[in-house]
Structure formats: C-alpha cells, structure tokens
Amino acid sequence: MRIQVKTVGMLRDLEAGRRIETLEILQGSSAAQAIALLKIQDWEIGFIKINGQAAGREFILKEGDELTLIAPLGGG
C-alpha cells in the first residue's frame, strides 16, 4: 500500500525544509516501520503527525495516509 510522507525541518539524509514523497509499505505497518524504511533515527524526529493529527510510532497506517515527520525544534 502507499502512503505520503512529508518531512518538515532538517532530517538526516533528507533535504532541509519541506519534502513530500510516496512510500510503499506493507498492509498493517506502523509509523515506526515506515520510519525505519526511511532510515531515520528516533532522535531525529521531534513530532509525528498522521493526517494532520498528533500520533505515536505505534499508529497503524492505512492506504493513502499522510505521515508527517517534524524535526526537533531547537533554539537558544
């Protein structure tokens, strides 16, 4: 099945800013499994949203879902 992945902020191995791509995953995959396919480490993600709503890594994805990964915010 296919989902949309949107990254916001700076994530390792991905461009800075905003990027959207389609990802092919197995039926019943969790957000954590999708993130693993992208080879993004847990510490690189500050927030996870699915279809615009806050979600955890255990959330089971469905066809057409939009998984948004937001880099941790920093400042000083």
N, C-alpha and C. Protein backbone atom coordinates (compact mmCIF):
# COMPACT_ATOMS: atom_id res chain seq x y z
N MET A 1 0.85 -1.17 0.00
CA MET A 1 0.00 0.00 0.00
C MET A 1 0.89 1.23 0.00
N ARG A 2 0.32 2.35 -0.38
CA ARG A 2 1.09 3.58 -0.49
C ARG A 2 0.60 4.63 0.50
N ILE A 3 1.59 5.33 1.07
CA ILE A 3 1.30 6.47 1.94
C ILE A 3 2.13 7.65 1.45
N GLN A 4 1.77 8.83 1.88
CA GLN A 4 2.55 10.03 1.61
C GLN A 4 3.37 10.34 2.86
N VAL A 5 4.63 10.66 2.66
CA VAL A 5 5.50 11.05 3.77
C VAL A 5 5.93 12.49 3.54
N LYS A 6 5.68 13.32 4.53
CA LYS A 6 6.10 14.72 4.47
C LYS A 6 7.09 14.95 5.59
N THR A 7 8.25 15.53 5.25
CA THR A 7 9.23 15.87 6.27
C THR A 7 9.30 17.37 6.39
N VAL A 8 9.42 17.84 7.62
CA VAL A 8 9.47 19.27 7.90
C VAL A 8 10.69 19.52 8.78
N GLY A 9 11.52 20.48 8.37
CA GLY A 9 12.72 20.78 9.13
C GLY A 9 13.90 20.02 8.58
N MET A 10 14.93 19.90 9.35
CA MET A 10 16.16 19.25 8.91
C MET A 10 16.20 17.82 9.45
N LEU A 11 16.11 16.85 8.58
CA LEU A 11 16.26 15.46 8.96
C LEU A 11 17.45 14.89 8.19
N ARG A 12 18.25 14.07 8.86
CA ARG A 12 19.43 13.49 8.24
C ARG A 12 19.06 12.78 6.95
N ASP A 13 19.90 12.90 5.95
CA ASP A 13 19.73 12.26 4.64
C ASP A 13 18.55 12.82 3.84
N LEU A 14 17.88 13.83 4.35
CA LEU A 14 16.79 14.46 3.61
C LEU A 14 17.11 15.95 3.48
N GLU A 15 16.55 16.57 2.46
CA GLU A 15 16.78 18.00 2.24
C GLU A 15 16.23 18.83 3.40
N ALA A 16 16.87 19.96 3.62
CA ALA A 16 16.33 20.90 4.60
C ALA A 16 15.02 21.47 4.05
N GLY A 17 14.13 21.81 4.93
CA GLY A 17 12.86 22.36 4.52
C GLY A 17 11.78 21.31 4.47
N ARG A 18 10.92 21.39 3.48
CA ARG A 18 9.76 20.50 3.39
C ARG A 18 9.91 19.60 2.17
N ARG A 19 9.62 18.34 2.36
CA ARG A 19 9.73 17.37 1.27
C ARG A 19 8.57 16.39 1.39
N ILE A 20 7.98 16.03 0.26
CA ILE A 20 6.89 15.06 0.24
C ILE A 20 7.26 13.95 -0.73
N GLU A 21 7.05 12.70 -0.30
CA GLU A 21 7.31 11.58 -1.18
C GLU A 21 6.29 10.47 -0.91
N THR A 22 6.16 9.58 -1.87
CA THR A 22 5.29 8.42 -1.71
C THR A 22 6.15 7.26 -1.24
N LEU A 23 5.61 6.49 -0.29
CA LEU A 23 6.34 5.34 0.25
C LEU A 23 5.45 4.11 0.15
N GLU A 24 6.00 3.04 -0.35
CA GLU A 24 5.30 1.76 -0.45
C GLU A 24 5.61 0.96 0.82
N ILE A 25 4.56 0.59 1.56
CA ILE A 25 4.73 -0.19 2.79
C ILE A 25 3.77 -1.37 2.79
N LEU A 26 4.00 -2.31 3.68
CA LEU A 26 3.12 -3.47 3.81
C LEU A 26 1.85 -3.10 4.56
N GLN A 27 0.76 -3.73 4.20
CA GLN A 27 -0.52 -3.56 4.92
C GLN A 27 -0.28 -3.85 6.40
N GLY A 28 -0.82 -3.01 7.27
CA GLY A 28 -0.68 -3.21 8.70
C GLY A 28 0.60 -2.67 9.30
N SER A 29 1.38 -1.93 8.51
CA SER A 29 2.63 -1.36 9.02
C SER A 29 2.35 -0.20 9.97
N SER A 30 3.22 -0.06 10.95
CA SER A 30 3.11 1.04 11.91
C SER A 30 3.93 2.24 11.40
N ALA A 31 3.73 3.37 12.04
CA ALA A 31 4.53 4.55 11.72
C ALA A 31 6.01 4.24 11.95
N ALA A 32 6.32 3.51 13.01
CA ALA A 32 7.72 3.15 13.30
C ALA A 32 8.33 2.33 12.16
N GLN A 33 7.56 1.41 11.59
CA GLN A 33 8.08 0.60 10.48
C GLN A 33 8.32 1.46 9.24
N ALA A 34 7.43 2.41 8.98
CA ALA A 34 7.62 3.31 7.85
C ALA A 34 8.86 4.17 8.06
N ILE A 35 9.04 4.67 9.28
CA ILE A 35 10.20 5.50 9.61
C ILE A 35 11.48 4.69 9.42
N ALA A 36 11.46 3.43 9.82
CA ALA A 36 12.64 2.56 9.66
C ALA A 36 13.00 2.40 8.18
N LEU A 37 12.00 2.29 7.32
CA LEU A 37 12.26 2.18 5.88
C LEU A 37 12.95 3.43 5.34
N LEU A 38 12.66 4.57 5.94
CA LEU A 38 13.27 5.84 5.54
C LEU A 38 14.68 6.01 6.11
N LYS A 39 15.07 5.10 7.01
CA LYS A 39 16.38 5.13 7.66
C LYS A 39 16.60 6.42 8.44
N ILE A 40 15.54 6.83 9.13
CA ILE A 40 15.62 7.99 10.01
C ILE A 40 15.65 7.48 11.45
N GLN A 41 16.58 8.00 12.22
CA GLN A 41 16.73 7.58 13.62
C GLN A 41 15.67 8.25 14.50
N ASP A 42 15.30 7.59 15.60
CA ASP A 42 14.29 8.14 16.52
C ASP A 42 14.65 9.54 17.01
N TRP A 43 15.92 9.77 17.32
CA TRP A 43 16.32 11.06 17.87
C TRP A 43 16.20 12.20 16.85
N GLU A 44 16.07 11.86 15.58
CA GLU A 44 15.95 12.87 14.53
C GLU A 44 14.53 13.41 14.38
N ILE A 45 13.58 12.79 15.07
CA ILE A 45 12.18 13.16 14.94
C ILE A 45 11.68 13.78 16.24
N GLY A 46 11.13 14.97 16.14
CA GLY A 46 10.56 15.63 17.32
C GLY A 46 9.08 15.35 17.47
N PHE A 47 8.36 15.36 16.35
CA PHE A 47 6.91 15.14 16.37
C PHE A 47 6.50 14.29 15.18
N ILE A 48 5.43 13.52 15.38
CA ILE A 48 4.84 12.72 14.31
C ILE A 48 3.37 13.10 14.20
N LYS A 49 2.94 13.34 12.98
CA LYS A 49 1.52 13.57 12.71
C LYS A 49 1.07 12.60 11.63
N ILE A 50 -0.15 12.14 11.75
CA ILE A 50 -0.75 11.31 10.71
C ILE A 50 -2.07 11.97 10.33
N ASN A 51 -2.17 12.32 9.06
CA ASN A 51 -3.34 13.03 8.55
C ASN A 51 -3.64 14.29 9.36
N GLY A 52 -2.57 14.99 9.77
CA GLY A 52 -2.72 16.26 10.47
C GLY A 52 -2.94 16.15 11.97
N GLN A 53 -3.01 14.94 12.50
CA GLN A 53 -3.24 14.74 13.94
C GLN A 53 -2.00 14.14 14.60
N ALA A 54 -1.68 14.59 15.81
CA ALA A 54 -0.55 14.03 16.54
C ALA A 54 -0.74 12.53 16.71
N ALA A 55 0.33 11.77 16.54
CA ALA A 55 0.26 10.31 16.63
C ALA A 55 1.58 9.77 17.17
N GLY A 56 1.53 8.53 17.62
CA GLY A 56 2.72 7.86 18.11
C GLY A 56 3.27 6.90 17.08
N ARG A 57 4.43 6.39 17.38
CA ARG A 57 5.11 5.46 16.47
C ARG A 57 4.35 4.15 16.28
N GLU A 58 3.47 3.81 17.22
CA GLU A 58 2.74 2.54 17.15
C GLU A 58 1.50 2.62 16.26
N PHE A 59 1.14 3.82 15.79
CA PHE A 59 -0.05 4.01 14.96
C PHE A 59 0.03 3.14 13.71
N ILE A 60 -1.04 2.39 13.41
CA ILE A 60 -1.09 1.55 12.22
C ILE A 60 -1.60 2.38 11.05
N LEU A 61 -0.80 2.42 10.00
CA LEU A 61 -1.11 3.22 8.82
C LEU A 61 -2.07 2.52 7.88
N LYS A 62 -2.82 3.34 7.14
CA LYS A 62 -3.76 2.83 6.14
C LYS A 62 -3.42 3.43 4.79
N GLU A 63 -3.89 2.79 3.74
CA GLU A 63 -3.69 3.28 2.37
C GLU A 63 -4.05 4.76 2.28
N GLY A 64 -3.14 5.55 1.70
CA GLY A 64 -3.41 6.96 1.48
C GLY A 64 -3.13 7.88 2.66
N ASP A 65 -2.73 7.34 3.81
CA ASP A 65 -2.42 8.20 4.96
C ASP A 65 -1.25 9.12 4.63
N GLU A 66 -1.21 10.26 5.33
CA GLU A 66 -0.09 11.17 5.22
C GLU A 66 0.66 11.17 6.54
N LEU A 67 1.89 10.70 6.52
CA LEU A 67 2.76 10.64 7.69
C LEU A 67 3.67 11.85 7.62
N THR A 68 3.56 12.75 8.63
CA THR A 68 4.39 13.94 8.67
C THR A 68 5.41 13.78 9.80
N LEU A 69 6.68 13.97 9.45
CA LEU A 69 7.78 13.87 10.42
C LEU A 69 8.38 15.25 10.58
N ILE A 70 8.39 15.73 11.80
CA ILE A 70 8.87 17.08 12.09
C ILE A 70 10.13 16.97 12.94
N ALA A 71 11.19 17.60 12.47
CA ALA A 71 12.45 17.57 13.20
C ALA A 71 12.31 18.28 14.55
N PRO A 72 13.13 17.89 15.53
CA PRO A 72 13.07 18.57 16.83
C PRO A 72 13.37 20.06 16.66
N LEU A 73 12.70 20.84 17.48
CA LEU A 73 12.93 22.28 17.46
C LEU A 73 14.07 22.62 18.40
N GLY A 74 14.86 23.54 18.01
CA GLY A 74 15.98 23.96 18.87
C GLY A 74 16.07 25.46 18.85
N GLY A 75 16.75 25.95 19.79
CA GLY A 75 16.92 27.40 19.83
C GLY A 75 17.73 27.81 21.03
N GLY A 76 17.91 29.02 21.15
CA GLY A 76 18.71 29.47 22.27
C GLY A 76 18.45 30.86 22.51
